[in-house]
Amino acid sequence: MKIWINDKLAGKDCPCFIIAEIGSNHNGKLSQAKRLIDKAKKAGADCAKFQTFKADELVAKNHPAYQILKRLELPEDWHYILSDYCKKKNILFASTPFYVEAIDTLRYIKAPFIKISSGDITYFALLKKAARTKSTIFLSTGASTLSDISKAIEVIRPINKKIILLHCVSAYPPRLEDLNLRALKVLSDKFGLPVGFSDHTRSLAAVLGAVSLGACVIERHFTISRRVKGPDHFFAMEPDEFKKMVNQIRELEVSLGKPIKTVTKSEIKERRLIRRKKCKTASGTKYLRLWK
C-alpha cells in the first residue's frame, strides 16, 4: 500500500519520508523556529514538524510542567507564518495537534498530514476530527498494545483509510534493548498498513535498522544544539548528525535493491574470473581460476 503525502508517495519501494521533529525546540522564539526550518532543509528533511498544544489543554495550572508548556506553545499566527516560510524554503510544514480545535488550523493551512502522538491514541474525539480532514494520518504507537492500536484504527478507518503506523518507544531516550524494531513487521502484517519509525534514541543504527525492516517514514527530534535548555533538546539530533542520517538512509535505500537473488551486471566479468575451470597442467589436471 502506498499513500500520498502532499506530492510525495510513501510506502513500499518509495524513498523514505523523513521528518525533522522540531516540536517545541523553538523555545518560544519565532526566529529560532525559522532557523530550525533552514537547518532541517539543509540537512535533507522532507518535512519540518512542530507541536500545537495549549498548556491549559494538557495539564492543570498547578502542575509542575504548566509554566514550561505555556512558554513553549506554538502561537496561532505562527502556523501561518511558518507554513508560508516552509513553502518558500521548499520543505513541508506540519504540526502535531494536542487538542481538537488545533486540527481546524492545520486543515486551513493544508498540512500534508496529521500526526497523532502516542499519548493520544485513545483520545477518540481527536482521532475522529483528524480523520475527517481526509489528510494522511500518522498514528504513533508508543506504549500501546495491539488492542490499543486496533481500536484507534477502528475509529479512523471508516472515515479515512490513509493511515501510516509509526512504531515508537515512549521513553526519552529509550534503551536500545527496548526498541524491538521487529515490531515493524508485526504492525505491517497485522494491519496491512505502511509503517514508519518515530525515534527517540541517539543511535543512527536504530534508524537504519528500521528502514531495512520496511519503515517508509522516519521521524527524528531535531535541535540546533543539545546544549540548549528545554525538555526535548538533550535527546534530539543536531543538524550535522541529521544530515549524516539522511545521507545514510539514502545510501541504504540504493543498496537494499529488490527481493531477488541474481547475478548483477558488475559481477558477470568477475564470475568468469573467479570460477574454477578444469585445466590440464604439467603436474596433472587441476581446477584453477582463470585470472587472465
Protein backbone atom coordinates (compact mmCIF):
# COMPACT_ATOMS: atom_id res chain seq x y z
CA MET A 1 0.00 0.00 0.00
CA LYS A 2 1.27 3.47 -0.92
CA ILE A 3 -0.05 6.78 0.35
CA TRP A 4 0.44 10.32 -0.94
CA ILE A 5 1.87 12.88 1.48
CA ASN A 6 1.35 16.09 -0.41
CA ASP A 7 3.35 15.43 -3.63
CA LYS A 8 5.45 12.63 -2.15
CA LEU A 9 4.49 8.96 -2.27
CA ALA A 10 5.18 6.91 0.88
CA GLY A 11 5.17 3.15 1.11
CA LYS A 12 6.98 0.08 -0.15
CA ASP A 13 9.82 0.83 -2.60
CA CYS A 14 9.35 4.60 -2.20
CA PRO A 15 12.06 6.91 -0.85
CA CYS A 16 11.76 7.15 2.92
CA PHE A 17 9.81 10.22 4.05
CA ILE A 18 12.00 11.96 6.65
CA ILE A 19 10.62 14.29 9.31
CA ALA A 20 12.69 16.71 11.36
CA GLU A 21 10.65 16.82 14.56
CA ILE A 22 11.33 20.36 15.78
CA GLY A 23 8.45 20.04 18.24
CA SER A 24 8.86 22.68 20.93
CA ASN A 25 12.59 23.20 20.31
CA HIS A 26 11.85 26.69 19.00
CA ASN A 27 11.88 27.68 22.72
CA GLY A 28 9.16 30.26 22.13
CA LYS A 29 11.24 32.23 19.60
CA LEU A 30 9.98 32.69 16.05
CA SER A 31 13.50 33.42 14.79
CA GLN A 32 14.70 30.12 16.24
CA ALA A 33 11.79 28.29 14.63
CA LYS A 34 12.76 29.70 11.23
CA ARG A 35 16.42 28.89 11.82
CA LEU A 36 15.48 25.28 12.62
CA ILE A 37 13.47 25.08 9.38
CA ASP A 38 16.52 26.32 7.45
CA LYS A 39 18.73 23.74 9.14
CA ALA A 40 16.21 20.94 8.55
CA LYS A 41 16.01 21.76 4.85
CA LYS A 42 19.79 21.87 4.53
CA ALA A 43 20.06 18.53 6.35
CA GLY A 44 17.77 16.88 3.79
CA ALA A 45 14.48 16.55 5.70
CA ASP A 46 11.25 16.32 3.72
CA CYS A 47 9.25 17.97 6.49
CA ALA A 48 9.79 20.33 9.42
CA LYS A 49 7.26 19.40 12.09
CA PHE A 50 6.19 21.29 15.20
CA GLN A 51 3.72 20.64 18.03
CA THR A 52 0.47 22.54 18.51
CA PHE A 53 -0.60 22.49 22.14
CA LYS A 54 -2.01 24.69 24.85
CA ALA A 55 -0.82 24.19 28.40
CA ASP A 56 -4.41 24.51 29.63
CA GLU A 57 -5.46 21.59 27.42
CA LEU A 58 -2.69 19.31 28.70
CA VAL A 59 -2.19 19.81 32.44
CA ALA A 60 -3.73 21.59 35.42
CA LYS A 61 -2.35 25.02 36.28
CA ASN A 62 -0.79 23.70 39.48
CA HIS A 63 1.15 21.01 37.56
CA PRO A 64 4.96 21.47 37.74
CA ALA A 65 5.21 21.44 33.92
CA TYR A 66 2.48 24.06 33.34
CA GLN A 67 4.71 27.12 33.08
CA ILE A 68 7.23 25.30 30.86
CA LEU A 69 4.48 24.17 28.49
CA LYS A 70 2.93 27.64 28.48
CA ARG A 71 6.25 29.14 27.37
CA LEU A 72 6.62 26.56 24.57
CA GLU A 73 3.17 26.91 23.00
CA LEU A 74 3.06 27.47 19.23
CA PRO A 75 1.00 30.68 18.79
CA GLU A 76 -1.90 30.56 16.33
CA ASP A 77 -0.37 33.11 13.95
CA TRP A 78 2.94 31.23 13.84
CA HIS A 79 1.22 28.39 11.97
CA TYR A 80 0.55 30.69 9.02
CA ILE A 81 3.94 32.40 9.23
CA LEU A 82 5.89 29.15 9.44
CA SER A 83 3.79 27.38 6.83
CA ASP A 84 4.48 30.22 4.37
CA TYR A 85 8.16 30.20 5.33
CA CYS A 86 8.40 26.46 4.65
CA LYS A 87 6.81 26.94 1.23
CA LYS A 88 9.49 29.49 0.37
CA LYS A 89 12.18 27.06 1.54
CA ASN A 90 10.60 24.12 -0.35
CA ILE A 91 10.09 21.95 2.71
CA LEU A 92 6.76 20.71 4.08
CA PHE A 93 5.33 22.20 7.27
CA ALA A 94 3.35 20.07 9.72
CA SER A 95 2.47 20.04 13.39
CA THR A 96 1.11 17.51 15.87
CA PRO A 97 -2.24 18.67 17.33
CA PHE A 98 -2.76 18.09 21.04
CA TYR A 99 -6.30 19.46 21.26
CA VAL A 100 -9.28 19.04 18.95
CA GLU A 101 -9.62 22.66 17.79
CA ALA A 102 -5.97 22.71 16.64
CA ILE A 103 -6.95 20.48 13.73
CA ASP A 104 -9.02 23.31 12.23
CA THR A 105 -5.89 25.43 11.96
CA LEU A 106 -3.89 22.59 10.39
CA ARG A 107 -6.70 21.92 7.95
CA TYR A 108 -6.87 25.58 6.98
CA ILE A 109 -3.15 25.75 6.14
CA LYS A 110 -3.45 22.42 4.29
CA ALA A 111 -0.99 20.48 6.42
CA PRO A 112 0.20 17.46 4.38
CA PHE A 113 -0.63 15.04 7.20
CA ILE A 114 -1.96 14.92 10.75
CA LYS A 115 0.25 13.16 13.28
CA ILE A 116 -1.38 11.68 16.35
CA SER A 117 1.02 11.45 19.27
CA SER A 118 1.39 8.16 21.16
CA GLY A 119 -0.28 9.64 24.22
CA ASP A 120 -3.44 10.47 22.25
CA ILE A 121 -4.04 7.07 20.64
CA THR A 122 -7.05 6.66 22.98
CA TYR A 123 -8.30 10.25 22.54
CA PHE A 124 -11.03 9.25 20.12
CA ALA A 125 -12.52 12.74 19.68
CA LEU A 126 -9.14 13.90 18.35
CA LEU A 127 -8.84 10.83 16.10
CA LYS A 128 -12.26 11.39 14.56
CA LYS A 129 -11.63 15.09 13.95
CA ALA A 130 -8.26 14.29 12.35
CA ALA A 131 -9.80 11.58 10.17
CA ARG A 132 -12.42 13.98 8.83
CA THR A 133 -9.71 16.23 7.36
CA LYS A 134 -9.05 13.43 4.83
CA SER A 135 -5.33 14.16 5.30
CA THR A 136 -2.98 11.22 5.76
CA ILE A 137 -2.95 10.18 9.42
CA PHE A 138 0.34 9.26 11.10
CA LEU A 139 -0.61 7.20 14.15
CA SER A 140 2.21 6.88 16.68
CA THR A 141 2.04 3.68 18.74
CA GLY A 142 4.36 4.21 21.71
CA ALA A 143 3.28 2.49 24.96
CA SER A 144 0.40 0.83 23.08
CA THR A 145 -0.78 -2.75 22.77
CA LEU A 146 -2.04 -4.26 19.52
CA SER A 147 -5.52 -3.92 21.00
CA ASP A 148 -5.00 -0.16 21.58
CA ILE A 149 -3.81 0.27 18.01
CA SER A 150 -6.66 -1.80 16.60
CA LYS A 151 -9.27 0.30 18.45
CA ALA A 152 -7.72 3.54 17.16
CA ILE A 153 -7.72 2.22 13.59
CA GLU A 154 -11.38 1.21 14.01
CA VAL A 155 -12.15 4.85 14.82
CA ILE A 156 -10.17 6.31 11.92
CA ARG A 157 -10.57 3.81 9.08
CA PRO A 158 -14.34 4.13 8.43
CA ILE A 159 -13.74 7.85 7.82
CA ASN A 160 -10.23 7.89 6.38
CA LYS A 161 -8.24 4.94 5.04
CA LYS A 162 -4.97 6.89 4.64
CA ILE A 163 -3.16 5.70 7.77
CA ILE A 164 0.55 5.17 8.41
CA LEU A 165 1.52 3.50 11.69
CA LEU A 166 4.63 4.73 13.47
CA HIS A 167 6.42 2.25 15.71
CA CYS A 168 7.66 4.16 18.74
CA VAL A 169 9.02 3.59 22.22
CA SER A 170 7.79 6.29 24.59
CA ALA A 171 10.99 6.86 26.55
CA TYR A 172 13.40 9.77 26.16
CA PRO A 173 15.75 8.31 25.15
CA PRO A 174 14.78 4.61 25.16
CA ARG A 175 17.25 1.81 25.77
CA LEU A 176 18.33 0.05 22.58
CA GLU A 177 17.21 -3.28 24.03
CA ASP A 178 13.68 -1.87 24.33
CA LEU A 179 13.35 -0.76 20.70
CA ASN A 180 12.05 -4.09 19.35
CA LEU A 181 12.32 -2.95 15.74
CA ARG A 182 10.93 -6.26 14.51
CA ALA A 183 7.55 -4.96 15.69
CA LEU A 184 7.51 -3.02 12.41
CA LYS A 185 6.77 -6.25 10.56
CA VAL A 186 4.15 -7.24 13.14
CA LEU A 187 2.32 -3.94 12.60
CA SER A 188 2.58 -4.22 8.82
CA ASP A 189 1.37 -7.82 8.68
CA LYS A 190 -1.47 -7.43 11.18
CA PHE A 191 -2.97 -4.18 9.92
CA GLY A 192 -1.93 -4.13 6.25
CA LEU A 193 -0.77 -0.52 6.53
CA PRO A 194 2.51 1.26 5.75
CA VAL A 195 4.76 1.57 8.79
CA GLY A 196 7.36 4.05 9.96
CA PHE A 197 9.56 4.70 12.97
CA SER A 198 9.38 7.62 15.38
CA ASP A 199 12.79 7.50 17.03
CA HIS A 200 13.91 8.97 20.36
CA THR A 201 17.32 7.28 20.59
CA ARG A 202 20.75 8.76 19.99
CA SER A 203 21.54 5.82 17.68
CA LEU A 204 21.91 6.01 13.93
CA ALA A 205 21.87 2.21 13.82
CA ALA A 206 18.28 2.16 15.09
CA VAL A 207 17.04 4.31 12.21
CA LEU A 208 18.95 2.32 9.58
CA GLY A 209 17.66 -0.92 11.09
CA ALA A 210 14.10 0.38 10.88
CA VAL A 211 14.49 1.33 7.21
CA SER A 212 15.95 -2.11 6.48
CA LEU A 213 12.86 -3.65 8.11
CA GLY A 214 10.47 -1.65 5.95
CA ALA A 215 9.96 1.74 7.64
CA CYS A 216 8.79 4.18 4.96
CA VAL A 217 8.70 7.16 7.36
CA ILE A 218 11.38 8.26 9.81
CA GLU A 219 10.68 10.92 12.42
CA ARG A 220 13.60 12.21 14.48
CA HIS A 221 13.74 15.02 17.04
CA PHE A 222 15.82 17.93 15.76
CA THR A 223 17.67 20.73 17.53
CA ILE A 224 20.28 23.35 16.82
CA SER A 225 22.26 22.10 19.81
CA ARG A 226 21.71 19.58 22.60
CA ARG A 227 23.24 22.16 24.95
CA VAL A 228 20.19 24.42 24.58
CA LYS A 229 17.85 24.36 27.58
CA GLY A 230 14.45 22.75 27.08
CA PRO A 231 12.67 19.41 27.56
CA ASP A 232 13.35 17.92 24.11
CA HIS A 233 16.82 19.18 23.18
CA PHE A 234 19.01 16.70 25.06
CA PHE A 235 17.98 13.62 23.04
CA ALA A 236 17.50 15.35 19.67
CA MET A 237 19.80 15.20 16.65
CA GLU A 238 21.91 18.21 15.74
CA PRO A 239 21.98 19.35 12.08
CA ASP A 240 25.23 17.61 11.09
CA GLU A 241 24.06 14.35 12.68
CA PHE A 242 20.69 14.61 10.97
CA LYS A 243 22.33 15.23 7.60
CA LYS A 244 24.52 12.16 8.13
CA MET A 245 21.42 10.15 8.95
CA VAL A 246 19.61 11.29 5.80
CA ASN A 247 22.63 10.52 3.62
CA GLN A 248 22.98 7.03 5.10
CA ILE A 249 19.27 6.33 4.67
CA ARG A 250 19.55 7.29 1.00
CA GLU A 251 22.63 5.08 0.58
CA LEU A 252 20.84 2.22 2.32
CA GLU A 253 17.80 2.59 0.05
CA VAL A 254 20.02 2.19 -3.01
CA SER A 255 21.80 -0.82 -1.52
CA LEU A 256 18.60 -2.62 -0.43
CA GLY A 257 17.63 -3.24 -4.05
CA LYS A 258 14.86 -5.76 -4.77
CA PRO A 259 13.83 -9.02 -3.06
CA ILE A 260 15.57 -11.21 -5.64
CA LYS A 261 18.89 -13.04 -5.91
CA THR A 262 20.57 -12.69 -9.27
CA VAL A 263 23.94 -12.05 -10.91
CA THR A 264 24.45 -8.30 -11.31
CA LYS A 265 25.97 -6.71 -14.39
CA SER A 266 29.08 -5.83 -12.39
CA GLU A 267 29.52 -9.49 -11.45
CA ILE A 268 29.34 -11.03 -14.93
CA LYS A 269 33.01 -10.42 -15.81
CA GLU A 270 34.14 -11.25 -12.27
CA ARG A 271 32.24 -14.53 -12.32
CA ARG A 272 34.28 -15.68 -15.31
CA LEU A 273 37.48 -14.80 -13.48
CA ILE A 274 36.70 -16.26 -10.06
CA ARG A 275 35.02 -19.53 -11.06
CA ARG A 276 37.33 -22.55 -11.32
CA LYS A 277 37.75 -24.48 -14.55
CA LYS A 278 39.18 -27.90 -15.24
CA CYS A 279 42.68 -27.40 -16.69
CA LYS A 280 45.48 -29.70 -17.75
CA THR A 281 48.88 -28.67 -16.38
CA ALA A 282 52.37 -30.17 -16.42
CA SER A 283 51.68 -31.61 -12.98
CA GLY A 284 48.30 -33.00 -13.92
CA THR A 285 44.65 -31.93 -14.07
CA LYS A 286 43.70 -29.11 -11.73
CA TYR A 287 40.76 -26.82 -11.12
CA LEU A 288 42.08 -23.30 -11.46
CA ARG A 289 40.75 -19.77 -11.54
CA LEU A 290 41.23 -18.03 -14.87
CA TRP A 291 42.90 -14.81 -13.77
CA LYS A 292 43.86 -13.92 -17.34
